[in-house]
Structures are given as C-alpha cells and as structure tokens.
Amino acid sequence: MGGEPRKAAVLGSPISHSLSPVLHSAAYRALGLDGWTYDRIECPAGELARIVSGLGPEWVGLSVTMPGKTEALRFASEQTDRALMVGSANTLVRTTDGWRADCTDIDGVVGALDELGLGEGDTRRAIIVGAGGTARPALAALATLGTETTTVIARDEGRAAGTVECGRSAGITTDWAPFEDLAGLAAACDVLISTIPADAMDAYSTAAAVAPRVLDVIYHPWPTPLAQAVADRGGKVVGGLSMLLNQAYGQVEQFTGRPAPREAMRAALDGIR
C-alpha cells in the first residue's frame, strides 16, 4: 500500500496559507505511505463540484476549508449525521459510490477544549462568540462534552437563529445575546469560544477575557488581542492551531484507514510555530 500513488489535498480560497499539507505530509511519512502526496488546490466559491468531479481514482480524500464547506456537504453522495447536523463538511472521503462528507471540525474543537483541561462533564455553561460556519461545529463539540447551556453572542439575532437552533438540536439549551452582554456572561461561564476574526474581536477582548478558559479559533497572527488579554489576566487560552491539529487526526484516519501518527503530526506543527 505504501508505494501505491495516492493523492489528497486541501481545497479553499485563499489556500496558499494552509498548514494542512504540513500535517498530512508528516502523517504519510510516519505511516510509510511513500507514494502518497497532499497538495493545496485553489477552489473559489461555486467551484467545488466541478473541481472534485474532475479528480481521478487516485484521489482518496480532500480537506475543505472556506468557502467550500457547505458546497462539500451538498456535493457528497453520502453524509455523516454530524455533518448534516452542523450543515457543513470539512472532509470528503472517496467511497465506492462517490464521496462521503464528514465534519472533523467537531473533533478539532473537542481536542482544543481537552488542551484547556475540559473533558466530559466539565463544562456546564459556554459562550460562543459569532454565529458563522465555525460556531455550529463548536456547539456540536460542546454537546458531546455534556454542556448544559450555551449563549451565542452575535450582532443580529435573526442571522444567529440557525446557529441557535443547531445548539438546541444538539441537546444544549441555547440562546442569543448581544455583544453588550458579553462581559457579564463571560464572568459566569466555564469556557468561551471565539469564532470571529481577530480584528472583529479586538474591541471586545477585555470583556471576553474575564472567562476562565478561552478557545480562539484564529491561529495567525498569534497571539490575537483576545489571547493576549486572557494571558494578561492569568486565564487559560488555546488557539486555532490546536483545533487544526485535532481535526486533521480524523481526516488522516479516514483517508488512510490507519490510526493517525499523532506525535509525528504534532512535531511537524511544533516545528513551524
């Protein structure tokens, strides 16, 4: 198997900054898959179906980043339950009948929360800042850990309604609140997850930093103003690199059918931090 040419890649736009090739290439080397390669493919919005349909049988899997995650879910001939629940897929795996869509972003959030010291039963109250594409996998991850209540902080209640409903469907009591309520809610939560760009979060970093544990899904540039504010207060914070690493484990396992070489992948990421 190791010598058979196989291909995988990450699709998105812009894609030149993606660190996924570092992780996947390290995994393939550690697994002895000498004939396997992993590349970046520029994939603007609306182009995923065309690009993936043109890939030959040597292609075994695809990582999907913005803006193609909802397109990936619609394109796939098979979808996992969790991908359907969050309404997006960051993983496409070749099957005998087409492509299967999954969302290992959920695993990424679970792994990052574990790095914060939060496991099953440790999170009763959580805050999600933002209601975009990353917020729903974050809610699904919190549900797997037994979170009881979550507040989605967003500017517009109507636009956040789908994300709030996603949390409720996952079994969490989920509500919306405006940014003006952030400081009070953060002081009473177990963890805060920021899913919005660093510059958008900058004005609210002081308010959010009162949370005892924070996951900021951004990984470049680092530290973000939020991460720095948390560190200055003595709280615990992890960034998007932890989420990236943990979501990649599941992708490698689905692409190769083998356990992910986690230490080799972590070492590869540590080498570029």
C-alpha atoms as a PDB file:
ATOM      1  CA  MET A   1       0.000   0.000   0.000  1.00  0.00           C
ATOM      2  CA  GLY A   2       2.821   2.401   0.877  1.00  0.00           C
ATOM      3  CA  GLY A   3       4.145   2.541  -2.656  1.00  0.00           C
ATOM      4  CA  GLU A   4       0.841   2.971  -4.470  1.00  0.00           C
ATOM      5  CA  PRO A   5       0.356   6.544  -5.719  1.00  0.00           C
ATOM      6  CA  ARG A   6      -2.470   8.204  -3.851  1.00  0.00           C
ATOM      7  CA  LYS A   7      -3.438  11.861  -3.730  1.00  0.00           C
ATOM      8  CA  ALA A   8      -5.163  14.136  -1.252  1.00  0.00           C
ATOM      9  CA  ALA A   9      -5.392  17.901  -0.920  1.00  0.00           C
ATOM     10  CA  VAL A  10      -6.964  20.839   0.851  1.00  0.00           C
ATOM     11  CA  LEU A  11      -9.479  22.914  -1.132  1.00  0.00           C
ATOM     12  CA  GLY A  12     -10.326  26.529  -0.390  1.00  0.00           C
ATOM     13  CA  SER A  13      -9.756  30.150  -1.319  1.00  0.00           C
ATOM     14  CA  PRO A  14      -7.383  31.689  -0.494  1.00  0.00           C
ATOM     15  CA  ILE A  15      -5.419  28.499   0.158  1.00  0.00           C
ATOM     16  CA  SER A  16      -1.713  29.366  -0.019  1.00  0.00           C
ATOM     17  CA  HIS A  17      -1.533  29.902   3.762  1.00  0.00           C
ATOM     18  CA  SER A  18      -2.971  26.493   4.702  1.00  0.00           C
ATOM     19  CA  LEU A  19      -0.878  24.393   7.092  1.00  0.00           C
ATOM     20  CA  SER A  20      -2.777  21.194   6.318  1.00  0.00           C
ATOM     21  CA  PRO A  21      -0.043  19.946   3.924  1.00  0.00           C
ATOM     22  CA  VAL A  22       2.447  20.086   6.796  1.00  0.00           C
ATOM     23  CA  LEU A  23       0.268  17.839   8.957  1.00  0.00           C
ATOM     24  CA  HIS A  24      -0.849  15.360   6.311  1.00  0.00           C
ATOM     25  CA  SER A  25       2.557  15.009   4.700  1.00  0.00           C
ATOM     26  CA  ALA A  26       4.116  14.296   8.103  1.00  0.00           C
ATOM     27  CA  ALA A  27       1.441  11.678   8.746  1.00  0.00           C
ATOM     28  CA  TYR A  28       2.016   9.903   5.436  1.00  0.00           C
ATOM     29  CA  ARG A  29       5.779   9.793   6.028  1.00  0.00           C
ATOM     30  CA  ALA A  30       5.297   8.379   9.519  1.00  0.00           C
ATOM     31  CA  LEU A  31       2.906   5.743   8.163  1.00  0.00           C
ATOM     32  CA  GLY A  32       5.320   4.715   5.419  1.00  0.00           C
ATOM     33  CA  LEU A  33       2.961   5.824   2.646  1.00  0.00           C
ATOM     34  CA  ASP A  34       5.748   6.841   0.298  1.00  0.00           C
ATOM     35  CA  GLY A  35       3.523   7.115  -2.759  1.00  0.00           C
ATOM     36  CA  TRP A  36       1.047   9.489  -1.106  1.00  0.00           C
ATOM     37  CA  THR A  37       1.009  13.247  -1.726  1.00  0.00           C
ATOM     38  CA  TYR A  38      -1.031  16.103  -0.271  1.00  0.00           C
ATOM     39  CA  ASP A  39      -1.408  19.449  -2.031  1.00  0.00           C
ATOM     40  CA  ARG A  40      -3.265  22.752  -1.967  1.00  0.00           C
ATOM     41  CA  ILE A  41      -5.964  23.446  -4.562  1.00  0.00           C
ATOM     42  CA  GLU A  42      -7.396  26.919  -5.057  1.00  0.00           C
ATOM     43  CA  CYS A  43     -11.167  26.460  -5.016  1.00  0.00           C
ATOM     44  CA  PRO A  44     -13.281  29.643  -5.195  1.00  0.00           C
ATOM     45  CA  ALA A  45     -16.918  29.676  -4.163  1.00  0.00           C
ATOM     46  CA  GLY A  46     -19.116  27.681  -6.522  1.00  0.00           C
ATOM     47  CA  GLU A  47     -16.252  25.662  -7.995  1.00  0.00           C
ATOM     48  CA  LEU A  48     -16.039  22.661  -5.657  1.00  0.00           C
ATOM     49  CA  ALA A  49     -18.333  20.326  -7.585  1.00  0.00           C
ATOM     50  CA  ARG A  50     -16.531  20.986 -10.855  1.00  0.00           C
ATOM     51  CA  ILE A  51     -13.074  20.533  -9.369  1.00  0.00           C
ATOM     52  CA  VAL A  52     -13.827  17.398  -7.373  1.00  0.00           C
ATOM     53  CA  SER A  53     -15.753  15.787 -10.229  1.00  0.00           C
ATOM     54  CA  GLY A  54     -12.629  16.083 -12.356  1.00  0.00           C
ATOM     55  CA  LEU A  55     -10.343  14.208  -9.950  1.00  0.00           C
ATOM     56  CA  GLY A  56      -9.146  10.750 -10.953  1.00  0.00           C
ATOM     57  CA  PRO A  57      -9.436   7.495  -8.985  1.00  0.00           C
ATOM     58  CA  GLU A  58      -6.053   8.040  -7.321  1.00  0.00           C
ATOM     59  CA  TRP A  59      -7.620  10.766  -5.170  1.00  0.00           C
ATOM     60  CA  VAL A  60      -8.610   9.333  -1.778  1.00  0.00           C
ATOM     61  CA  GLY A  61      -9.612  12.354   0.279  1.00  0.00           C
ATOM     62  CA  LEU A  62      -9.996  16.110   0.484  1.00  0.00           C
ATOM     63  CA  SER A  63      -9.845  18.602   3.287  1.00  0.00           C
ATOM     64  CA  VAL A  64     -12.219  21.500   2.677  1.00  0.00           C
ATOM     65  CA  THR A  65     -11.893  24.979   4.094  1.00  0.00           C
ATOM     66  CA  MET A  66     -13.756  28.208   3.385  1.00  0.00           C
ATOM     67  CA  PRO A  67     -15.679  28.964   1.287  1.00  0.00           C
ATOM     68  CA  GLY A  68     -16.494  25.385   0.275  1.00  0.00           C
ATOM     69  CA  LYS A  69     -17.768  23.623   3.380  1.00  0.00           C
ATOM     70  CA  THR A  70     -21.480  23.867   2.644  1.00  0.00           C
ATOM     71  CA  GLU A  71     -20.810  23.045  -1.009  1.00  0.00           C
ATOM     72  CA  ALA A  72     -18.937  19.911   0.073  1.00  0.00           C
ATOM     73  CA  LEU A  73     -21.923  18.743   2.095  1.00  0.00           C
ATOM     74  CA  ARG A  74     -24.302  19.255  -0.827  1.00  0.00           C
ATOM     75  CA  PHE A  75     -21.937  17.662  -3.352  1.00  0.00           C
ATOM     76  CA  ALA A  76     -21.297  14.431  -1.442  1.00  0.00           C
ATOM     77  CA  SER A  77     -23.233  11.280  -2.242  1.00  0.00           C
ATOM     78  CA  GLU A  78     -23.161  10.334   1.450  1.00  0.00           C
ATOM     79  CA  GLN A  79     -23.137  12.494   4.580  1.00  0.00           C
ATOM     80  CA  THR A  80     -22.438  11.626   8.203  1.00  0.00           C
ATOM     81  CA  ASP A  81     -25.094  12.512  10.747  1.00  0.00           C
ATOM     82  CA  ARG A  82     -22.877  15.070  12.433  1.00  0.00           C
ATOM     83  CA  ALA A  83     -22.094  16.832   9.164  1.00  0.00           C
ATOM     84  CA  LEU A  84     -25.799  17.090   8.447  1.00  0.00           C
ATOM     85  CA  MET A  85     -26.430  18.432  11.937  1.00  0.00           C
ATOM     86  CA  VAL A  86     -23.961  21.310  11.597  1.00  0.00           C
ATOM     87  CA  GLY A  87     -24.745  21.895   7.925  1.00  0.00           C
ATOM     88  CA  SER A  88     -21.173  21.759   6.633  1.00  0.00           C
ATOM     89  CA  ALA A  89     -18.330  19.398   5.870  1.00  0.00           C
ATOM     90  CA  ASN A  90     -14.581  19.930   6.059  1.00  0.00           C
ATOM     91  CA  THR A  91     -13.810  16.376   4.900  1.00  0.00           C
ATOM     92  CA  LEU A  92     -14.559  14.450   1.714  1.00  0.00           C
ATOM     93  CA  VAL A  93     -13.565  10.783   1.540  1.00  0.00           C
ATOM     94  CA  ARG A  94     -13.643   8.713  -1.627  1.00  0.00           C
ATOM     95  CA  THR A  95     -16.042   5.764  -1.486  1.00  0.00           C
ATOM     96  CA  THR A  96     -17.004   3.088  -3.983  1.00  0.00           C
ATOM     97  CA  ASP A  97     -20.083   5.141  -4.870  1.00  0.00           C
ATOM     98  CA  GLY A  98     -18.723   8.682  -4.763  1.00  0.00           C
ATOM     99  CA  TRP A  99     -17.690  10.872  -1.847  1.00  0.00           C
ATOM    100  CA  ARG A 100     -18.631  10.843   1.849  1.00  0.00           C
ATOM    101  CA  ALA A 101     -18.856  14.157   3.712  1.00  0.00           C
ATOM    102  CA  ASP A 102     -17.886  14.471   7.361  1.00  0.00           C
ATOM    103  CA  CYS A 103     -17.104  17.278   9.809  1.00  0.00           C
ATOM    104  CA  THR A 104     -13.921  16.621  11.772  1.00  0.00           C
ATOM    105  CA  ASP A 105     -14.014  20.282  12.842  1.00  0.00           C
ATOM    106  CA  ILE A 106     -16.050  18.915  15.757  1.00  0.00           C
ATOM    107  CA  ASP A 107     -13.114  16.722  16.770  1.00  0.00           C
ATOM    108  CA  GLY A 108     -10.871  19.749  16.447  1.00  0.00           C
ATOM    109  CA  VAL A 109     -12.872  21.716  18.987  1.00  0.00           C
ATOM    110  CA  VAL A 110     -13.094  18.746  21.372  1.00  0.00           C
ATOM    111  CA  GLY A 111      -9.315  18.322  21.212  1.00  0.00           C
ATOM    112  CA  ALA A 112      -8.676  22.018  21.797  1.00  0.00           C
ATOM    113  CA  LEU A 113     -11.013  22.021  24.802  1.00  0.00           C
ATOM    114  CA  ASP A 114      -9.147  18.998  26.144  1.00  0.00           C
ATOM    115  CA  GLU A 115      -5.956  21.056  25.940  1.00  0.00           C
ATOM    116  CA  LEU A 116      -7.739  23.615  28.107  1.00  0.00           C
ATOM    117  CA  GLY A 117      -8.402  20.861  30.648  1.00  0.00           C
ATOM    118  CA  LEU A 118     -12.067  20.435  29.777  1.00  0.00           C
ATOM    119  CA  GLY A 119     -13.438  16.952  29.285  1.00  0.00           C
ATOM    120  CA  GLU A 120     -16.851  15.363  29.537  1.00  0.00           C
ATOM    121  CA  GLY A 121     -18.910  16.906  32.316  1.00  0.00           C
ATOM    122  CA  ASP A 122     -16.519  19.830  32.927  1.00  0.00           C
ATOM    123  CA  THR A 123     -18.476  22.466  31.013  1.00  0.00           C
ATOM    124  CA  ARG A 124     -21.914  23.488  32.231  1.00  0.00           C
ATOM    125  CA  ARG A 125     -22.059  26.980  30.718  1.00  0.00           C
ATOM    126  CA  ALA A 126     -20.364  28.060  27.500  1.00  0.00           C
ATOM    127  CA  ILE A 127     -20.268  31.110  25.270  1.00  0.00           C
ATOM    128  CA  ILE A 128     -19.857  31.050  21.500  1.00  0.00           C
ATOM    129  CA  VAL A 129     -18.855  34.400  20.014  1.00  0.00           C
ATOM    130  CA  GLY A 130     -20.055  34.545  16.434  1.00  0.00           C
ATOM    131  CA  ALA A 131     -22.722  32.652  14.515  1.00  0.00           C
ATOM    132  CA  GLY A 132     -20.826  31.741  11.346  1.00  0.00           C
ATOM    133  CA  GLY A 133     -19.562  28.474   9.934  1.00  0.00           C
ATOM    134  CA  THR A 134     -17.287  27.547  12.847  1.00  0.00           C
ATOM    135  CA  ALA A 135     -19.878  28.210  15.542  1.00  0.00           C
ATOM    136  CA  ARG A 136     -22.003  25.158  14.712  1.00  0.00           C
ATOM    137  CA  PRO A 137     -19.184  22.580  14.960  1.00  0.00           C
ATOM    138  CA  ALA A 138     -18.230  24.265  18.228  1.00  0.00           C
ATOM    139  CA  LEU A 139     -21.765  23.733  19.524  1.00  0.00           C
ATOM    140  CA  ALA A 140     -21.709  20.096  18.423  1.00  0.00           C
ATOM    141  CA  ALA A 141     -18.406  19.624  20.235  1.00  0.00           C
ATOM    142  CA  LEU A 142     -19.799  21.156  23.417  1.00  0.00           C
ATOM    143  CA  ALA A 143     -22.777  18.818  23.189  1.00  0.00           C
ATOM    144  CA  THR A 144     -20.502  15.768  23.150  1.00  0.00           C
ATOM    145  CA  LEU A 145     -18.959  17.020  26.393  1.00  0.00           C
ATOM    146  CA  GLY A 146     -22.312  17.360  28.107  1.00  0.00           C
ATOM    147  CA  THR A 147     -22.568  21.159  28.119  1.00  0.00           C
ATOM    148  CA  GLU A 148     -25.906  22.256  29.556  1.00  0.00           C
ATOM    149  CA  THR A 149     -26.326  25.858  28.388  1.00  0.00           C
ATOM    150  CA  THR A 150     -24.724  27.965  25.679  1.00  0.00           C
ATOM    151  CA  THR A 151     -25.143  31.582  24.689  1.00  0.00           C
ATOM    152  CA  VAL A 152     -24.404  32.646  21.121  1.00  0.00           C
ATOM    153  CA  ILE A 153     -23.095  36.207  21.040  1.00  0.00           C
ATOM    154  CA  ALA A 154     -23.814  37.866  17.703  1.00  0.00           C
ATOM    155  CA  ARG A 155     -24.816  41.252  16.349  1.00  0.00           C
ATOM    156  CA  ASP A 156     -28.044  40.141  14.726  1.00  0.00           C
ATOM    157  CA  GLU A 157     -30.487  37.797  16.460  1.00  0.00           C
ATOM    158  CA  GLY A 158     -32.200  36.846  13.216  1.00  0.00           C
ATOM    159  CA  ARG A 159     -28.981  35.852  11.465  1.00  0.00           C
ATOM    160  CA  ALA A 160     -27.945  33.849  14.527  1.00  0.00           C
ATOM    161  CA  ALA A 161     -31.223  31.921  14.638  1.00  0.00           C
ATOM    162  CA  GLY A 162     -29.948  28.943  12.636  1.00  0.00           C
ATOM    163  CA  THR A 163     -26.911  28.569  14.865  1.00  0.00           C
ATOM    164  CA  VAL A 164     -29.046  28.794  17.993  1.00  0.00           C
ATOM    165  CA  GLU A 165     -31.326  26.104  16.596  1.00  0.00           C
ATOM    166  CA  CYS A 166     -28.296  23.928  15.844  1.00  0.00           C
ATOM    167  CA  GLY A 167     -27.319  24.070  19.505  1.00  0.00           C
ATOM    168  CA  ARG A 168     -30.817  23.167  20.605  1.00  0.00           C
ATOM    169  CA  SER A 169     -30.925  20.271  18.139  1.00  0.00           C
ATOM    170  CA  ALA A 170     -27.686  19.010  19.669  1.00  0.00           C
ATOM    171  CA  GLY A 171     -29.348  18.929  23.087  1.00  0.00           C
ATOM    172  CA  ILE A 172     -27.989  22.144  24.587  1.00  0.00           C
ATOM    173  CA  THR A 173     -30.155  24.921  25.985  1.00  0.00           C
ATOM    174  CA  THR A 174     -29.031  27.643  23.573  1.00  0.00           C
ATOM    175  CA  ASP A 175     -29.924  31.334  23.414  1.00  0.00           C
ATOM    176  CA  TRP A 176     -28.747  34.514  21.729  1.00  0.00           C
ATOM    177  CA  ALA A 177     -27.344  37.635  23.361  1.00  0.00           C
ATOM    178  CA  PRO A 178     -25.864  40.891  22.029  1.00  0.00           C
ATOM    179  CA  PHE A 179     -22.228  41.886  22.465  1.00  0.00           C
ATOM    180  CA  GLU A 180     -23.261  44.328  25.169  1.00  0.00           C
ATOM    181  CA  ASP A 181     -23.946  41.360  27.462  1.00  0.00           C
ATOM    182  CA  LEU A 182     -20.600  39.703  26.828  1.00  0.00           C
ATOM    183  CA  ALA A 183     -18.702  40.770  29.954  1.00  0.00           C
ATOM    184  CA  GLY A 184     -21.375  39.600  32.385  1.00  0.00           C
ATOM    185  CA  LEU A 185     -21.891  36.300  30.598  1.00  0.00           C
ATOM    186  CA  ALA A 186     -18.161  35.645  30.275  1.00  0.00           C
ATOM    187  CA  ALA A 187     -17.662  36.054  34.012  1.00  0.00           C
ATOM    188  CA  ALA A 188     -20.193  33.294  34.696  1.00  0.00           C
ATOM    189  CA  CYS A 189     -19.151  30.763  32.033  1.00  0.00           C
ATOM    190  CA  ASP A 190     -16.804  27.795  32.107  1.00  0.00           C
ATOM    191  CA  VAL A 191     -15.404  28.404  28.628  1.00  0.00           C
ATOM    192  CA  LEU A 192     -15.664  30.978  25.848  1.00  0.00           C
ATOM    193  CA  ILE A 193     -15.074  30.062  22.199  1.00  0.00           C
ATOM    194  CA  SER A 194     -14.420  32.922  19.803  1.00  0.00           C
ATOM    195  CA  THR A 195     -15.150  32.066  16.162  1.00  0.00           C
ATOM    196  CA  ILE A 196     -14.804  35.544  14.635  1.00  0.00           C
ATOM    197  CA  PRO A 197     -11.783  37.266  13.063  1.00  0.00           C
ATOM    198  CA  ALA A 198      -9.217  38.782  15.405  1.00  0.00           C
ATOM    199  CA  ASP A 199      -9.874  42.356  14.291  1.00  0.00           C
ATOM    200  CA  ALA A 200     -13.627  41.943  14.822  1.00  0.00           C
ATOM    201  CA  MET A 201     -12.998  40.592  18.322  1.00  0.00           C
ATOM    202  CA  ASP A 202     -10.426  43.208  19.275  1.00  0.00           C
ATOM    203  CA  ALA A 203     -12.910  45.715  20.699  1.00  0.00           C
ATOM    204  CA  TYR A 204     -14.436  43.030  22.928  1.00  0.00           C
ATOM    205  CA  SER A 205     -11.245  41.330  24.082  1.00  0.00           C
ATOM    206  CA  THR A 206     -11.239  42.895  27.535  1.00  0.00           C
ATOM    207  CA  ALA A 207     -14.827  41.844  28.161  1.00  0.00           C
ATOM    208  CA  ALA A 208     -14.265  38.298  26.876  1.00  0.00           C
ATOM    209  CA  ALA A 209     -11.010  37.830  28.761  1.00  0.00           C
ATOM    210  CA  VAL A 210     -12.806  37.515  32.107  1.00  0.00           C
ATOM    211  CA  ALA A 211     -13.773  33.981  31.042  1.00  0.00           C
ATOM    212  CA  PRO A 212     -11.577  31.435  32.868  1.00  0.00           C
ATOM    213  CA  ARG A 213     -10.837  29.411  29.716  1.00  0.00           C
ATOM    214  CA  VAL A 214     -10.852  30.628  26.118  1.00  0.00           C
ATOM    215  CA  LEU A 215     -10.522  28.945  22.740  1.00  0.00           C
ATOM    216  CA  ASP A 216      -9.769  31.428  19.961  1.00  0.00           C
ATOM    217  CA  VAL A 217     -10.075  29.593  16.636  1.00  0.00           C
ATOM    218  CA  ILE A 218      -7.665  32.023  14.947  1.00  0.00           C
ATOM    219  CA  TYR A 219      -4.072  30.831  14.577  1.00  0.00           C
ATOM    220  CA  HIS A 220      -2.436  33.585  12.538  1.00  0.00           C
ATOM    221  CA  PRO A 221      -1.342  36.077  13.618  1.00  0.00           C
ATOM    222  CA  TRP A 222      -0.792  34.822  17.167  1.00  0.00           C
ATOM    223  CA  PRO A 223      -1.333  35.855  19.849  1.00  0.00           C
ATOM    224  CA  THR A 224      -4.544  37.614  18.964  1.00  0.00           C
ATOM    225  CA  PRO A 225      -5.609  40.596  21.090  1.00  0.00           C
ATOM    226  CA  LEU A 226      -8.069  38.251  22.819  1.00  0.00           C
ATOM    227  CA  ALA A 227      -5.407  35.652  23.560  1.00  0.00           C
ATOM    228  CA  GLN A 228      -3.098  38.318  24.938  1.00  0.00           C
ATOM    229  CA  ALA A 229      -5.847  39.755  27.133  1.00  0.00           C
ATOM    230  CA  VAL A 230      -6.626  36.307  28.567  1.00  0.00           C
ATOM    231  CA  ALA A 231      -2.954  35.631  29.245  1.00  0.00           C
ATOM    232  CA  ASP A 232      -2.567  39.031  30.937  1.00  0.00           C
ATOM    233  CA  ARG A 233      -5.418  38.145  33.298  1.00  0.00           C
ATOM    234  CA  GLY A 234      -3.903  34.771  34.094  1.00  0.00           C
ATOM    235  CA  GLY A 235      -6.570  32.718  32.318  1.00  0.00           C
ATOM    236  CA  LYS A 236      -6.060  29.704  30.078  1.00  0.00           C
ATOM    237  CA  VAL A 237      -6.163  30.147  26.310  1.00  0.00           C
ATOM    238  CA  VAL A 238      -5.514  27.959  23.284  1.00  0.00           C
ATOM    239  CA  GLY A 239      -5.618  28.921  19.633  1.00  0.00           C
ATOM    240  CA  GLY A 240      -6.661  27.594  16.292  1.00  0.00           C
ATOM    241  CA  LEU A 241      -3.507  25.532  15.768  1.00  0.00           C
ATOM    242  CA  SER A 242      -4.766  23.099  18.391  1.00  0.00           C
ATOM    243  CA  MET A 243      -8.094  22.852  16.594  1.00  0.00           C
ATOM    244  CA  LEU A 244      -6.329  22.420  13.235  1.00  0.00           C
ATOM    245  CA  LEU A 245      -4.179  19.596  14.572  1.00  0.00           C
ATOM    246  CA  ASN A 246      -7.018  17.727  16.232  1.00  0.00           C
ATOM    247  CA  GLN A 247      -9.328  17.921  13.217  1.00  0.00           C
ATOM    248  CA  ALA A 248      -6.530  16.592  10.997  1.00  0.00           C
ATOM    249  CA  TYR A 249      -6.199  13.373  13.015  1.00  0.00           C
ATOM    250  CA  GLY A 250      -9.623  12.195  11.927  1.00  0.00           C
ATOM    251  CA  GLN A 251      -9.013  13.174   8.314  1.00  0.00           C
ATOM    252  CA  VAL A 252      -5.790  11.159   8.157  1.00  0.00           C
ATOM    253  CA  GLU A 253      -7.560   8.138   9.638  1.00  0.00           C
ATOM    254  CA  GLN A 254     -10.439   8.373   7.178  1.00  0.00           C
ATOM    255  CA  PHE A 255      -8.126   8.866   4.181  1.00  0.00           C
ATOM    256  CA  THR A 256      -5.661   6.086   5.056  1.00  0.00           C
ATOM    257  CA  GLY A 257      -7.675   3.635   7.156  1.00  0.00           C
ATOM    258  CA  ARG A 258      -4.903   3.697   9.767  1.00  0.00           C
ATOM    259  CA  PRO A 259      -4.535   5.322  13.208  1.00  0.00           C
ATOM    260  CA  ALA A 260      -3.159   8.850  12.884  1.00  0.00           C
ATOM    261  CA  PRO A 261       0.511   9.178  13.948  1.00  0.00           C
ATOM    262  CA  ARG A 262      -0.313  11.933  16.398  1.00  0.00           C
ATOM    263  CA  GLU A 263       3.152  12.552  17.773  1.00  0.00           C
ATOM    264  CA  ALA A 264       4.647  12.923  14.300  1.00  0.00           C
ATOM    265  CA  MET A 265       1.900  15.343  13.281  1.00  0.00           C
ATOM    266  CA  ARG A 266       2.250  17.393  16.446  1.00  0.00           C
ATOM    267  CA  ALA A 267       6.032  17.534  15.999  1.00  0.00           C
ATOM    268  CA  ALA A 268       5.600  18.781  12.438  1.00  0.00           C
ATOM    269  CA  LEU A 269       3.314  21.559  13.623  1.00  0.00           C
ATOM    270  CA  ASP A 270       5.611  22.468  16.521  1.00  0.00           C
ATOM    271  CA  GLY A 271       8.429  22.824  14.008  1.00  0.00           C
ATOM    272  CA  ILE A 272       6.748  25.769  12.276  1.00  0.00           C
ATOM    273  CA  ARG A 273       5.230  27.596  15.249  1.00  0.00           C
END
